[in-house]
């Protein structure tokens, strides 16, 4: 059996709690992926992988399933700190070849600039392999400010694969 994903969707979430692990769990809930056993993988968009909506993708998964993903995660308990997480993708020109997915998290960039940066990373990785530019680049980014009363805040962005 080959474990080559046939579909992909993007999601993101923010969570807060006095405990860091529980803020991560809250972010997973906000992203609607808390019911899965997530296995992080690296940066390849498989040939022919179809982009679907979050709702359509979630409908194909079942609680407890082992789900492969590219995950970007950042946590902080520093009040006033801006945290941003993002996933970018370089979609290949030819659907029979691979694309690239990049993940990025920062305390230095806004949601917009982190989204632009993560798309640049994916585009550059694609270009370094193919010597051409992708058909298009896309991203998802999520940003929030850590509040004093929140304790820990976690932001996540994920590309979720469906086998």
N, C-alpha and C. Protein backbone atom coordinates (compact mmCIF):
# COMPACT_ATOMS: atom_id res chain seq x y z
N UNK A 1 0.84 -1.19 0.00
CA UNK A 1 0.00 0.00 0.00
C UNK A 1 0.88 1.25 0.00
N UNK A 2 0.64 2.11 -0.94
CA UNK A 2 1.36 3.38 -1.00
C UNK A 2 0.60 4.43 -0.20
N UNK A 3 1.33 5.19 0.57
CA UNK A 3 0.72 6.26 1.37
C UNK A 3 0.90 7.60 0.66
N UNK A 4 0.35 7.71 -0.52
CA UNK A 4 0.45 8.95 -1.29
C UNK A 4 -0.88 9.70 -1.15
N UNK A 5 -0.85 10.86 -0.54
CA UNK A 5 -2.09 11.63 -0.39
C UNK A 5 -2.71 11.96 -1.73
N UNK A 6 -4.04 11.88 -1.77
CA UNK A 6 -4.79 12.20 -2.99
C UNK A 6 -5.49 13.54 -2.87
N UNK A 7 -5.65 14.03 -1.62
CA UNK A 7 -6.30 15.32 -1.39
C UNK A 7 -5.58 16.06 -0.27
N UNK A 8 -5.80 17.39 -0.25
CA UNK A 8 -5.18 18.25 0.76
C UNK A 8 -6.10 19.42 1.05
N UNK A 9 -6.09 19.86 2.32
CA UNK A 9 -6.77 21.11 2.66
C UNK A 9 -5.95 21.85 3.71
N UNK A 10 -6.19 23.14 3.80
CA UNK A 10 -5.51 24.00 4.77
C UNK A 10 -6.47 24.35 5.90
N UNK A 11 -5.90 24.52 7.09
CA UNK A 11 -6.68 24.97 8.24
C UNK A 11 -5.74 25.71 9.20
N UNK A 12 -6.34 26.45 10.12
CA UNK A 12 -5.53 27.17 11.12
C UNK A 12 -6.35 27.33 12.39
N UNK A 13 -5.65 27.63 13.49
CA UNK A 13 -6.35 27.82 14.76
C UNK A 13 -5.52 28.58 15.76
N UNK A 14 -6.23 29.13 16.74
CA UNK A 14 -5.63 29.85 17.87
C UNK A 14 -6.20 29.25 19.13
N UNK A 15 -5.35 29.04 20.13
CA UNK A 15 -5.82 28.53 21.42
C UNK A 15 -5.11 29.20 22.57
N UNK A 16 -5.83 29.34 23.67
CA UNK A 16 -5.24 29.92 24.88
C UNK A 16 -5.57 29.04 26.08
N UNK A 17 -4.64 29.03 27.03
CA UNK A 17 -4.85 28.30 28.29
C UNK A 17 -3.67 28.60 29.20
N UNK A 18 -3.83 28.35 30.49
CA UNK A 18 -2.72 28.58 31.43
C UNK A 18 -1.60 27.57 31.25
N UNK A 19 -1.89 26.43 30.62
CA UNK A 19 -0.89 25.41 30.34
C UNK A 19 -0.55 25.41 28.85
N UNK A 20 0.74 25.31 28.49
CA UNK A 20 1.11 25.36 27.07
C UNK A 20 0.51 24.23 26.24
N UNK A 21 0.51 23.00 26.75
CA UNK A 21 -0.04 21.89 25.98
C UNK A 21 -1.54 22.06 25.75
N UNK A 22 -2.23 22.57 26.74
CA UNK A 22 -3.67 22.78 26.57
C UNK A 22 -3.98 23.94 25.63
N UNK A 23 -3.07 24.91 25.54
CA UNK A 23 -3.29 25.97 24.54
C UNK A 23 -3.12 25.40 23.13
N UNK A 24 -2.20 24.44 22.97
CA UNK A 24 -2.03 23.75 21.69
C UNK A 24 -3.29 22.95 21.36
N UNK A 25 -3.81 22.23 22.32
CA UNK A 25 -5.05 21.47 22.12
C UNK A 25 -6.20 22.39 21.72
N UNK A 26 -6.29 23.55 22.35
CA UNK A 26 -7.34 24.52 22.01
C UNK A 26 -7.16 25.03 20.57
N UNK A 27 -5.92 25.21 20.14
CA UNK A 27 -5.65 25.63 18.75
C UNK A 27 -6.06 24.53 17.77
N UNK A 28 -5.77 23.27 18.13
CA UNK A 28 -6.21 22.16 17.28
C UNK A 28 -7.73 22.13 17.17
N UNK A 29 -8.42 22.38 18.28
CA UNK A 29 -9.89 22.43 18.26
C UNK A 29 -10.39 23.56 17.36
N UNK A 30 -9.77 24.72 17.49
CA UNK A 30 -10.17 25.86 16.66
C UNK A 30 -9.98 25.54 15.17
N UNK A 31 -8.97 24.74 14.86
CA UNK A 31 -8.69 24.34 13.47
C UNK A 31 -9.51 23.12 13.04
N UNK A 32 -10.26 22.53 13.97
CA UNK A 32 -11.10 21.35 13.72
C UNK A 32 -10.31 20.08 13.44
N UNK A 33 -9.08 19.97 13.98
CA UNK A 33 -8.27 18.77 13.74
C UNK A 33 -7.84 18.09 15.04
N UNK A 34 -8.55 18.36 16.13
CA UNK A 34 -8.19 17.81 17.43
C UNK A 34 -8.50 16.33 17.56
N UNK A 35 -9.34 15.78 16.71
CA UNK A 35 -9.78 14.38 16.83
C UNK A 35 -8.86 13.39 16.13
N UNK A 36 -7.78 13.91 15.53
CA UNK A 36 -6.92 13.04 14.73
C UNK A 36 -5.55 12.88 15.37
N UNK A 37 -4.89 11.76 15.04
CA UNK A 37 -3.51 11.53 15.44
C UNK A 37 -2.63 12.09 14.34
N UNK A 38 -2.11 13.28 14.59
CA UNK A 38 -1.35 14.01 13.57
C UNK A 38 0.10 13.53 13.51
N UNK A 39 0.56 13.28 12.30
CA UNK A 39 1.94 12.91 12.05
C UNK A 39 2.50 13.97 11.10
N UNK A 40 3.49 14.71 11.57
CA UNK A 40 4.04 15.77 10.73
C UNK A 40 5.02 15.18 9.72
N UNK A 41 4.94 15.71 8.51
CA UNK A 41 5.81 15.29 7.42
C UNK A 41 6.45 16.53 6.82
N UNK A 42 7.37 16.30 5.89
CA UNK A 42 8.08 17.43 5.30
C UNK A 42 7.28 18.06 4.17
N UNK A 43 7.93 18.49 3.16
CA UNK A 43 7.42 19.57 2.32
C UNK A 43 6.98 19.22 0.90
N UNK A 44 6.58 18.00 0.62
CA UNK A 44 6.24 17.63 -0.76
C UNK A 44 4.73 17.58 -0.96
N UNK A 45 4.26 18.29 -2.00
CA UNK A 45 2.89 18.16 -2.47
C UNK A 45 2.91 17.05 -3.52
N UNK A 46 2.23 15.93 -3.26
CA UNK A 46 2.30 14.80 -4.19
C UNK A 46 1.70 15.13 -5.57
N UNK A 47 2.17 14.46 -6.60
CA UNK A 47 1.58 14.64 -7.94
C UNK A 47 0.08 14.34 -7.89
N UNK A 48 -0.70 15.16 -8.57
CA UNK A 48 -2.13 14.93 -8.68
C UNK A 48 -2.95 15.17 -7.43
N UNK A 49 -2.34 15.69 -6.38
CA UNK A 49 -3.05 15.93 -5.12
C UNK A 49 -4.07 17.06 -5.32
N UNK A 50 -5.31 16.78 -5.00
CA UNK A 50 -6.41 17.73 -5.23
C UNK A 50 -6.64 18.60 -4.00
N UNK A 51 -6.74 19.90 -4.21
CA UNK A 51 -7.09 20.81 -3.13
C UNK A 51 -8.61 20.77 -2.92
N UNK A 52 -9.00 20.58 -1.66
CA UNK A 52 -10.42 20.56 -1.32
C UNK A 52 -10.66 21.54 -0.19
N UNK A 53 -11.91 21.86 0.05
CA UNK A 53 -12.24 22.74 1.16
C UNK A 53 -12.02 22.02 2.48
N UNK A 54 -11.86 22.77 3.53
CA UNK A 54 -11.71 22.21 4.87
C UNK A 54 -12.90 21.30 5.19
N UNK A 55 -14.10 21.76 4.90
CA UNK A 55 -15.30 20.99 5.21
C UNK A 55 -15.32 19.67 4.45
N UNK A 56 -14.99 19.70 3.17
CA UNK A 56 -14.97 18.47 2.38
C UNK A 56 -13.88 17.53 2.87
N UNK A 57 -12.72 18.07 3.19
CA UNK A 57 -11.63 17.25 3.70
C UNK A 57 -11.96 16.59 5.02
N UNK A 58 -12.51 17.36 5.94
CA UNK A 58 -12.87 16.81 7.25
C UNK A 58 -13.91 15.70 7.12
N UNK A 59 -14.79 15.81 6.15
CA UNK A 59 -15.83 14.80 5.98
C UNK A 59 -15.26 13.44 5.56
N UNK A 60 -14.03 13.41 5.06
CA UNK A 60 -13.40 12.16 4.64
C UNK A 60 -12.54 11.53 5.73
N UNK A 61 -12.40 12.20 6.85
CA UNK A 61 -11.57 11.70 7.94
C UNK A 61 -12.44 11.22 9.09
N UNK A 62 -11.91 10.29 9.89
CA UNK A 62 -12.69 9.81 11.04
C UNK A 62 -11.89 9.98 12.32
N UNK A 63 -12.58 10.19 13.44
CA UNK A 63 -11.90 10.38 14.72
C UNK A 63 -10.93 9.24 15.01
N UNK A 64 -9.75 9.60 15.49
CA UNK A 64 -8.73 8.63 15.82
C UNK A 64 -7.82 8.25 14.67
N UNK A 65 -8.17 8.68 13.46
CA UNK A 65 -7.38 8.35 12.27
C UNK A 65 -5.99 8.96 12.36
N UNK A 66 -5.01 8.22 11.85
CA UNK A 66 -3.66 8.78 11.71
C UNK A 66 -3.68 9.65 10.46
N UNK A 67 -3.36 10.92 10.64
CA UNK A 67 -3.46 11.90 9.57
C UNK A 67 -2.10 12.58 9.40
N UNK A 68 -1.60 12.56 8.18
CA UNK A 68 -0.34 13.22 7.88
C UNK A 68 -0.58 14.69 7.57
N UNK A 69 0.35 15.52 8.02
CA UNK A 69 0.18 16.96 7.82
C UNK A 69 1.53 17.66 7.81
N UNK A 70 1.53 18.84 7.21
CA UNK A 70 2.64 19.78 7.38
C UNK A 70 2.11 20.80 8.38
N UNK A 71 2.79 20.97 9.50
CA UNK A 71 2.28 21.78 10.60
C UNK A 71 3.25 22.88 10.96
N UNK A 72 2.72 24.07 11.11
CA UNK A 72 3.46 25.20 11.65
C UNK A 72 2.84 25.55 12.98
N UNK A 73 3.66 25.72 14.00
CA UNK A 73 3.15 25.93 15.37
C UNK A 73 4.05 26.91 16.10
N UNK A 74 3.43 27.82 16.86
CA UNK A 74 4.19 28.74 17.70
C UNK A 74 3.37 29.03 18.95
N UNK A 75 4.06 29.09 20.09
CA UNK A 75 3.41 29.38 21.38
C UNK A 75 4.20 30.44 22.13
N UNK A 76 3.48 31.20 22.95
CA UNK A 76 4.13 32.21 23.79
C UNK A 76 3.25 32.51 24.99
N UNK A 77 3.90 32.90 26.08
CA UNK A 77 3.16 33.41 27.25
C UNK A 77 3.60 34.83 27.58
N UNK A 78 4.20 35.50 26.60
CA UNK A 78 4.70 36.86 26.78
C UNK A 78 3.61 37.86 26.37
N UNK A 79 2.98 38.54 27.35
CA UNK A 79 1.91 39.49 27.01
C UNK A 79 2.38 40.54 26.00
N UNK A 80 1.52 40.81 25.03
CA UNK A 80 1.83 41.79 23.99
C UNK A 80 2.58 41.23 22.81
N UNK A 81 3.09 40.01 22.93
CA UNK A 81 3.85 39.39 21.84
C UNK A 81 2.90 39.02 20.69
N UNK A 82 3.26 39.39 19.49
CA UNK A 82 2.52 38.99 18.29
C UNK A 82 3.09 37.66 17.82
N UNK A 83 2.24 36.65 17.62
CA UNK A 83 2.70 35.37 17.09
C UNK A 83 1.95 35.09 15.79
N UNK A 84 2.69 34.56 14.83
CA UNK A 84 2.13 34.31 13.51
C UNK A 84 2.63 32.97 13.00
N UNK A 85 1.75 32.24 12.37
CA UNK A 85 2.09 30.95 11.80
C UNK A 85 1.50 30.86 10.39
N UNK A 86 2.18 30.14 9.50
CA UNK A 86 1.70 30.09 8.13
C UNK A 86 2.20 28.83 7.41
N UNK A 87 1.42 28.44 6.41
CA UNK A 87 1.76 27.34 5.50
C UNK A 87 1.62 27.90 4.09
N UNK A 88 2.61 27.63 3.25
CA UNK A 88 2.55 28.06 1.86
C UNK A 88 2.73 26.87 0.93
N UNK A 89 2.25 27.00 -0.29
CA UNK A 89 2.35 25.91 -1.25
C UNK A 89 2.65 26.45 -2.64
N UNK A 90 3.61 25.80 -3.30
CA UNK A 90 3.90 26.07 -4.70
C UNK A 90 3.24 24.96 -5.50
N UNK A 91 2.24 25.32 -6.28
CA UNK A 91 1.48 24.36 -7.08
C UNK A 91 2.22 24.17 -8.41
N UNK A 92 2.50 22.92 -8.77
CA UNK A 92 3.30 22.68 -9.98
C UNK A 92 2.57 23.06 -11.25
N UNK A 93 3.34 23.34 -12.29
CA UNK A 93 2.79 23.61 -13.61
C UNK A 93 2.17 22.36 -14.23
N UNK A 94 2.76 21.24 -13.94
CA UNK A 94 2.31 19.95 -14.46
C UNK A 94 1.77 19.14 -13.29
N UNK A 95 0.53 18.74 -13.35
CA UNK A 95 -0.13 18.02 -12.25
C UNK A 95 0.49 16.64 -12.00
N UNK A 96 1.36 16.18 -12.91
CA UNK A 96 2.02 14.88 -12.75
C UNK A 96 3.34 14.97 -11.99
N UNK A 97 3.71 16.18 -11.55
CA UNK A 97 4.96 16.36 -10.81
C UNK A 97 4.66 16.88 -9.41
N UNK A 98 5.69 16.93 -8.60
CA UNK A 98 5.51 17.38 -7.22
C UNK A 98 5.51 18.90 -7.13
N UNK A 99 4.87 19.38 -6.07
CA UNK A 99 4.94 20.77 -5.67
C UNK A 99 5.62 20.82 -4.32
N UNK A 100 5.69 21.99 -3.73
CA UNK A 100 6.35 22.15 -2.44
C UNK A 100 5.44 22.86 -1.45
N UNK A 101 5.55 22.43 -0.21
CA UNK A 101 4.82 23.05 0.89
C UNK A 101 5.86 23.56 1.89
N UNK A 102 5.67 24.77 2.36
CA UNK A 102 6.59 25.33 3.36
C UNK A 102 5.81 25.74 4.59
N UNK A 103 6.46 25.67 5.73
CA UNK A 103 5.86 26.11 6.97
C UNK A 103 6.75 27.18 7.60
N UNK A 104 6.11 28.10 8.31
CA UNK A 104 6.85 29.22 8.87
C UNK A 104 6.10 29.75 10.08
N UNK A 105 6.85 30.10 11.11
CA UNK A 105 6.26 30.77 12.26
C UNK A 105 7.22 31.86 12.72
N UNK A 106 6.65 32.91 13.32
CA UNK A 106 7.47 34.07 13.65
C UNK A 106 6.82 34.92 14.73
N UNK A 107 7.64 35.74 15.34
CA UNK A 107 7.15 36.80 16.21
C UNK A 107 7.47 38.16 15.59
N UNK A 108 8.01 38.15 14.38
CA UNK A 108 8.49 39.38 13.75
C UNK A 108 7.63 39.90 12.60
N UNK A 109 6.73 39.09 12.08
CA UNK A 109 5.99 39.49 10.89
C UNK A 109 4.48 39.48 11.15
N UNK A 110 3.77 40.28 10.40
CA UNK A 110 2.31 40.28 10.45
C UNK A 110 1.78 39.10 9.65
N UNK A 111 0.49 38.86 9.74
CA UNK A 111 -0.15 37.78 8.99
C UNK A 111 0.11 37.93 7.49
N UNK A 112 -0.04 39.14 6.97
CA UNK A 112 0.16 39.37 5.54
C UNK A 112 1.60 39.14 5.13
N UNK A 113 2.55 39.70 5.86
CA UNK A 113 3.96 39.54 5.46
C UNK A 113 4.43 38.10 5.67
N UNK A 114 3.92 37.40 6.70
CA UNK A 114 4.28 36.00 6.89
C UNK A 114 3.71 35.15 5.76
N UNK A 115 2.50 35.46 5.31
CA UNK A 115 1.90 34.75 4.18
C UNK A 115 2.71 34.95 2.92
N UNK A 116 3.12 36.17 2.66
CA UNK A 116 3.96 36.44 1.49
C UNK A 116 5.30 35.72 1.59
N UNK A 117 5.87 35.71 2.79
CA UNK A 117 7.18 35.07 3.00
C UNK A 117 7.09 33.56 2.79
N UNK A 118 6.06 32.93 3.34
CA UNK A 118 5.95 31.47 3.22
C UNK A 118 5.68 31.06 1.78
N UNK A 119 4.96 31.90 1.03
CA UNK A 119 4.79 31.63 -0.40
C UNK A 119 6.12 31.74 -1.13
N UNK A 120 6.95 32.72 -0.76
CA UNK A 120 8.27 32.87 -1.36
C UNK A 120 9.13 31.63 -1.08
N UNK A 121 9.08 31.13 0.15
CA UNK A 121 9.84 29.93 0.49
C UNK A 121 9.43 28.76 -0.40
N UNK A 122 8.12 28.54 -0.53
CA UNK A 122 7.63 27.43 -1.36
C UNK A 122 8.04 27.63 -2.83
N UNK A 123 7.88 28.86 -3.32
CA UNK A 123 8.25 29.17 -4.71
C UNK A 123 9.74 28.91 -4.95
N UNK A 124 10.58 29.35 -3.99
CA UNK A 124 12.02 29.17 -4.14
C UNK A 124 12.42 27.70 -4.09
N UNK A 125 11.78 26.91 -3.21
CA UNK A 125 12.08 25.47 -3.15
C UNK A 125 11.68 24.80 -4.47
N UNK A 126 10.53 25.16 -4.98
CA UNK A 126 10.06 24.61 -6.26
C UNK A 126 11.03 24.98 -7.38
N UNK A 127 11.40 26.25 -7.42
CA UNK A 127 12.31 26.74 -8.47
C UNK A 127 13.69 26.06 -8.39
N UNK A 128 14.19 25.83 -7.18
CA UNK A 128 15.52 25.22 -7.04
C UNK A 128 15.54 23.80 -7.59
N UNK A 129 14.40 23.13 -7.60
CA UNK A 129 14.32 21.77 -8.11
C UNK A 129 14.00 21.73 -9.60
N UNK A 130 13.03 22.54 -10.02
CA UNK A 130 12.54 22.47 -11.40
C UNK A 130 13.20 23.47 -12.35
N UNK A 131 13.81 24.49 -11.82
CA UNK A 131 14.38 25.59 -12.60
C UNK A 131 13.30 26.38 -13.34
N UNK A 132 12.07 26.26 -12.88
CA UNK A 132 10.97 27.06 -13.41
C UNK A 132 10.14 27.56 -12.23
N UNK A 133 9.19 28.39 -12.50
CA UNK A 133 8.34 28.91 -11.43
C UNK A 133 7.02 28.16 -11.41
N UNK A 134 6.41 28.04 -10.24
CA UNK A 134 5.17 27.27 -10.14
C UNK A 134 4.01 27.94 -10.87
N UNK A 135 2.99 27.14 -11.09
CA UNK A 135 1.75 27.65 -11.69
C UNK A 135 1.19 28.77 -10.83
N UNK A 136 1.19 28.54 -9.51
CA UNK A 136 0.73 29.55 -8.55
C UNK A 136 1.24 29.17 -7.18
N UNK A 137 1.17 30.14 -6.28
CA UNK A 137 1.46 29.88 -4.87
C UNK A 137 0.24 30.30 -4.06
N UNK A 138 0.01 29.59 -2.97
CA UNK A 138 -1.10 29.89 -2.07
C UNK A 138 -0.61 29.75 -0.64
N UNK A 139 -1.37 30.30 0.29
CA UNK A 139 -0.98 30.17 1.70
C UNK A 139 -2.19 30.32 2.62
N UNK A 140 -1.96 29.91 3.86
CA UNK A 140 -2.86 30.21 4.95
C UNK A 140 -1.98 30.76 6.07
N UNK A 141 -2.44 31.80 6.74
CA UNK A 141 -1.66 32.39 7.84
C UNK A 141 -2.62 32.76 8.96
N UNK A 142 -2.11 32.72 10.16
CA UNK A 142 -2.92 33.08 11.33
C UNK A 142 -2.03 33.84 12.30
N UNK A 143 -2.57 34.91 12.86
CA UNK A 143 -1.79 35.78 13.73
C UNK A 143 -2.65 36.22 14.90
N UNK A 144 -2.02 36.40 16.06
CA UNK A 144 -2.73 36.89 17.23
C UNK A 144 -1.74 37.54 18.19
N UNK A 145 -2.27 38.33 19.08
CA UNK A 145 -1.46 38.93 20.14
C UNK A 145 -1.73 38.19 21.44
N UNK A 146 -0.66 37.89 22.16
CA UNK A 146 -0.78 37.20 23.44
C UNK A 146 -1.32 38.19 24.48
N UNK A 147 -2.39 37.82 25.14
CA UNK A 147 -3.00 38.64 26.19
C UNK A 147 -2.51 38.19 27.56
N UNK A 148 -2.34 39.12 28.47
CA UNK A 148 -1.84 38.82 29.80
C UNK A 148 -2.72 37.80 30.51
N UNK A 149 -4.03 37.97 30.38
CA UNK A 149 -4.96 37.09 31.09
C UNK A 149 -5.08 35.70 30.45
N UNK A 150 -4.50 35.52 29.28
CA UNK A 150 -4.65 34.25 28.56
C UNK A 150 -3.69 33.17 29.03
N UNK A 151 -2.58 33.54 29.65
CA UNK A 151 -1.55 32.55 29.95
C UNK A 151 -0.79 32.25 28.67
N UNK A 152 -0.86 31.02 28.22
CA UNK A 152 -0.21 30.61 26.98
C UNK A 152 -1.15 30.77 25.80
N UNK A 153 -0.59 31.19 24.67
CA UNK A 153 -1.32 31.28 23.41
C UNK A 153 -0.54 30.50 22.36
N UNK A 154 -1.25 29.69 21.61
CA UNK A 154 -0.65 28.91 20.53
C UNK A 154 -1.39 29.22 19.23
N UNK A 155 -0.63 29.39 18.17
CA UNK A 155 -1.18 29.55 16.82
C UNK A 155 -0.66 28.39 15.98
N UNK A 156 -1.55 27.81 15.17
CA UNK A 156 -1.15 26.75 14.26
C UNK A 156 -1.69 27.03 12.86
N UNK A 157 -1.00 26.52 11.88
CA UNK A 157 -1.48 26.45 10.50
C UNK A 157 -1.07 25.08 10.01
N UNK A 158 -1.92 24.45 9.21
CA UNK A 158 -1.63 23.09 8.78
C UNK A 158 -2.14 22.82 7.37
N UNK A 159 -1.37 22.00 6.67
CA UNK A 159 -1.82 21.40 5.42
C UNK A 159 -2.12 19.95 5.77
N UNK A 160 -3.37 19.56 5.64
CA UNK A 160 -3.83 18.24 6.05
C UNK A 160 -3.98 17.35 4.81
N UNK A 161 -3.33 16.18 4.84
CA UNK A 161 -3.39 15.25 3.73
C UNK A 161 -4.48 14.21 3.95
N UNK A 162 -5.11 13.80 2.88
CA UNK A 162 -6.08 12.71 2.89
C UNK A 162 -5.54 11.63 1.97
N UNK A 163 -5.33 10.44 2.53
CA UNK A 163 -4.77 9.32 1.76
C UNK A 163 -5.85 8.70 0.88
